Protein backbone atom coordinates (compact mmCIF):
# COMPACT_ATOMS: atom_id res chain seq x y z
CA MET A 1 11.96 26.08 27.89
CA PRO A 2 11.82 22.25 27.66
CA ILE A 3 9.02 20.35 29.34
CA ARG A 4 10.20 18.53 32.44
CA LEU A 5 8.45 15.46 33.71
CA PRO A 6 7.81 15.07 37.41
CA PRO A 7 10.46 12.84 39.03
CA SER A 8 7.95 10.01 39.45
CA LEU A 9 7.53 9.81 35.66
CA ASP A 10 11.22 10.12 34.76
CA LYS A 11 12.05 6.74 33.21
CA GLN A 12 15.75 7.48 33.61
CA ARG A 13 15.20 7.45 37.37
CA HIS A 14 12.39 4.90 37.71
CA THR A 15 12.04 1.94 35.40
CA LEU A 16 8.89 -0.11 35.04
CA ARG A 17 10.73 -3.02 36.62
CA GLU A 18 11.47 -0.93 39.69
CA GLU A 19 7.90 0.36 39.75
CA VAL A 20 6.41 -3.13 39.99
CA SER A 21 9.18 -4.78 42.01
CA TRP A 22 7.03 -4.70 45.16
CA ALA A 23 4.68 -7.25 43.58
CA ARG A 24 7.33 -9.85 42.79
CA GLY A 25 7.52 -11.25 46.29
CA LEU A 26 3.79 -11.45 46.93
CA SER A 27 2.26 -14.75 47.89
CA PRO A 28 -0.70 -16.04 45.86
CA GLU A 29 -3.01 -14.88 48.65
CA GLU A 30 -1.49 -11.39 48.61
CA ARG A 31 -1.78 -11.23 44.81
CA LEU A 32 -5.44 -12.21 45.09
CA ALA A 33 -6.01 -9.43 47.63
CA VAL A 34 -4.38 -6.84 45.36
CA THR A 35 -6.38 -8.08 42.37
CA SER A 36 -9.57 -7.91 44.42
CA MET A 37 -8.85 -4.31 45.45
CA LEU A 38 -8.12 -3.31 41.85
CA CYS A 39 -11.35 -4.90 40.64
CA ARG A 40 -13.33 -3.15 43.38
CA ASP A 41 -11.75 0.20 42.45
CA ALA A 42 -12.54 -0.43 38.77
CA MET A 43 -16.18 -1.12 39.61
CA ILE A 44 -16.39 2.10 41.65
CA LEU A 45 -14.98 4.10 38.73
CA LEU A 46 -17.27 2.31 36.30
CA ALA A 47 -20.31 3.13 38.45
CA MET A 48 -19.44 6.84 38.14
CA ASN A 49 -18.99 6.65 34.35
CA PRO A 50 -21.97 8.04 32.42
CA LYS A 51 -21.14 5.61 29.60
CA ARG A 52 -21.17 2.58 31.91
CA GLU A 53 -23.39 0.38 29.73
CA ARG A 54 -21.32 1.13 26.64
CA VAL A 55 -18.10 0.26 28.48
CA LEU A 56 -19.58 -2.99 29.77
CA ALA A 57 -20.70 -3.94 26.26
CA LEU A 58 -17.13 -3.69 24.89
CA ARG A 59 -15.41 -7.03 24.38
CA ASP A 60 -12.00 -7.82 22.93
CA PRO A 61 -12.09 -10.69 20.46
CA VAL A 62 -10.56 -13.94 21.70
CA PRO A 63 -7.37 -14.65 19.70
CA GLU A 64 -7.40 -17.75 17.53
CA SER A 65 -4.38 -19.12 19.43
CA THR A 66 -6.39 -18.93 22.66
CA ARG A 67 -9.36 -20.65 21.03
CA ARG A 68 -7.09 -23.50 19.90
CA ALA A 69 -5.54 -23.83 23.37
CA LEU A 70 -8.97 -23.93 25.01
CA ALA A 71 -10.12 -26.56 22.51
CA ARG A 72 -7.07 -28.69 23.35
CA LEU A 73 -7.69 -28.32 27.07
CA GLY A 74 -11.36 -29.17 26.64
CA GLY A 75 -10.45 -32.43 24.93
CA ARG A 76 -8.61 -33.78 27.99
């Protein structure tokens, strides 16, 4: 018997574009509110994580292209 995904995960029925379409019309203030809620939820989850300090210590390296762009912006 083949595995069937729940309808909410069926990409033939729901595309990523459709999934995030609600956010397209948000004002900057509304986007800030959503971002704030997501950050708050992330901090709550992080507080419950037994490896909290390890997670907080992780850092992605800054790409060289970003470093160059920041250097250009800093020279203005």
